[in-house]
Amino acid sequence: MQRMGMMIGVKPEMLAKYRELHAAVWPEILDLISRCNIRNYTIFLREPENLLFGTWEYHGTDFAADMARMAADEKNQEWWAFTIPCQKPMETRAEGEWWAMMEEVFHHD
C-alpha cells in the first residue's frame, strides 16, 4: 500500500458547484475509484485560499496503468467535464499533471 496526496485550486465562483458535485458523487465514479485500487480517498478544502488537498491509499501494483484506465473510462470523462471547469491547477505542477502530486514526508499510525 502506498499513501498519496495531491492538491489543486478551486475557482471561487465554482466552489458551490464543486461542493454540490462531491456531495453526491456518481456511483459509477465511486466504483471506478475502487476498481483502480484506490482506498480511503478523501478531499479536504482550505478556505479562503480555495485549495483542495486529496489523499488516498493506493493498493495496486501499477499506478500509471490504473490511472490510464481511470482516464479512459467514458463515465469518468463525463464526470471530469463537470469537475475540471471548477478547478484551477497549481502553476508549479509537473509537466502532464492536473492535480499537483505531493511527497509524503511524515506519517504516524
Protein backbone atom coordinates (compact mmCIF):
# COMPACT_ATOMS: atom_id res chain seq x y z
CA MET A 1 0.00 0.00 0.00
CA GLN A 2 1.20 3.49 -0.83
CA ARG A 3 -0.26 6.68 0.67
CA MET A 4 -0.53 9.51 -1.85
CA GLY A 5 -1.52 13.17 -1.81
CA MET A 6 -2.24 15.89 -4.33
CA MET A 7 -3.52 19.46 -4.45
CA ILE A 8 -5.28 21.88 -6.76
CA GLY A 9 -7.19 25.14 -6.52
CA VAL A 10 -10.91 25.72 -6.91
CA LYS A 11 -12.20 28.75 -8.77
CA PRO A 12 -14.08 30.88 -6.21
CA GLU A 13 -17.10 31.22 -8.47
CA MET A 14 -17.26 27.41 -8.86
CA LEU A 15 -16.87 26.44 -5.21
CA ALA A 16 -20.59 25.86 -4.62
CA LYS A 17 -20.82 23.70 -7.75
CA TYR A 18 -17.76 21.66 -6.69
CA ARG A 19 -19.27 21.07 -3.25
CA GLU A 20 -22.59 20.08 -4.83
CA LEU A 21 -20.93 17.56 -7.16
CA HIS A 22 -18.98 15.94 -4.34
CA ALA A 23 -21.97 15.79 -2.01
CA ALA A 24 -23.44 13.25 -4.45
CA VAL A 25 -20.61 11.57 -6.36
CA TRP A 26 -21.99 9.28 -9.05
CA PRO A 27 -21.95 5.59 -8.05
CA GLU A 28 -20.10 4.69 -11.26
CA ILE A 29 -17.27 7.02 -10.27
CA LEU A 30 -17.03 5.57 -6.77
CA ASP A 31 -16.92 2.07 -8.27
CA LEU A 32 -14.22 3.10 -10.75
CA ILE A 33 -12.08 4.58 -7.98
CA SER A 34 -12.28 1.25 -6.13
CA ARG A 35 -11.57 -0.80 -9.28
CA CYS A 36 -8.45 1.35 -9.82
CA ASN A 37 -7.12 0.20 -6.44
CA ILE A 38 -7.73 3.45 -4.55
CA ARG A 39 -8.98 3.23 -0.96
CA ASN A 40 -9.63 5.76 1.82
CA TYR A 41 -9.87 8.63 -0.69
CA THR A 42 -10.60 11.98 0.92
CA ILE A 43 -10.64 15.54 -0.44
CA PHE A 44 -10.21 18.44 2.00
CA LEU A 45 -10.95 22.10 1.23
CA ARG A 46 -8.97 25.04 2.64
CA GLU A 47 -10.78 28.38 2.53
CA PRO A 48 -10.31 31.26 1.90
CA GLU A 49 -7.41 30.12 -0.30
CA ASN A 50 -9.77 27.67 -2.08
CA LEU A 51 -7.22 24.86 -2.14
CA LEU A 52 -8.16 21.21 -2.35
CA PHE A 53 -5.99 18.50 -0.82
CA GLY A 54 -6.70 14.93 -1.86
CA THR A 55 -5.27 11.92 -0.05
CA TRP A 56 -5.73 8.19 -0.58
CA GLU A 57 -4.13 4.79 -0.26
CA TYR A 58 -3.09 3.02 -3.46
CA HIS A 59 -3.34 -0.76 -3.13
CA GLY A 60 -2.37 -1.75 -6.67
CA THR A 61 0.88 -2.65 -8.39
CA ASP A 62 0.81 -0.34 -11.44
CA PHE A 63 -0.38 3.17 -10.58
CA ALA A 64 0.23 4.53 -14.11
CA ALA A 65 -1.88 1.76 -15.66
CA ASP A 66 -4.68 2.24 -13.14
CA MET A 67 -4.71 6.00 -13.75
CA ALA A 68 -4.75 5.41 -17.52
CA ARG A 69 -7.74 3.08 -17.08
CA MET A 70 -9.46 5.73 -14.97
CA ALA A 71 -8.78 8.46 -17.54
CA ALA A 72 -10.07 6.30 -20.40
CA ASP A 73 -13.35 5.45 -18.67
CA GLU A 74 -16.28 7.06 -20.51
CA LYS A 75 -18.30 7.82 -17.37
CA ASN A 76 -15.22 9.36 -15.72
CA GLN A 77 -14.68 11.59 -18.73
CA GLU A 78 -18.28 12.74 -18.32
CA TRP A 79 -17.64 13.39 -14.58
CA TRP A 80 -14.49 15.35 -15.41
CA ALA A 81 -16.50 17.51 -17.82
CA PHE A 82 -18.27 18.81 -14.70
CA THR A 83 -15.37 18.91 -12.23
CA ILE A 84 -12.45 20.16 -14.34
CA PRO A 85 -14.07 23.55 -15.08
CA CYS A 86 -14.28 24.08 -11.30
CA GLN A 87 -10.56 23.58 -10.78
CA LYS A 88 -7.57 25.88 -11.00
CA PRO A 89 -4.31 23.89 -11.34
CA MET A 90 -1.21 24.90 -9.42
CA GLU A 91 1.22 26.92 -11.55
CA THR A 92 4.09 24.81 -10.18
CA ARG A 93 2.59 21.41 -11.09
CA ALA A 94 4.79 18.99 -13.02
CA GLU A 95 4.51 18.51 -16.76
CA GLY A 96 1.45 16.38 -17.51
CA GLU A 97 -0.15 16.83 -14.09
CA TRP A 98 -3.56 18.39 -13.46
CA TRP A 99 -3.63 17.94 -9.69
CA ALA A 100 -0.11 18.54 -8.31
CA MET A 101 1.25 15.43 -6.63
CA MET A 102 2.81 15.78 -3.19
CA GLU A 103 5.64 13.99 -1.39
CA GLU A 104 4.87 12.25 1.89
CA VAL A 105 7.33 13.50 4.49
CA PHE A 106 5.73 12.15 7.66
CA HIS A 107 3.17 9.54 8.73
CA HIS A 108 2.08 8.16 12.10
CA ASP A 109 -0.46 5.36 12.69
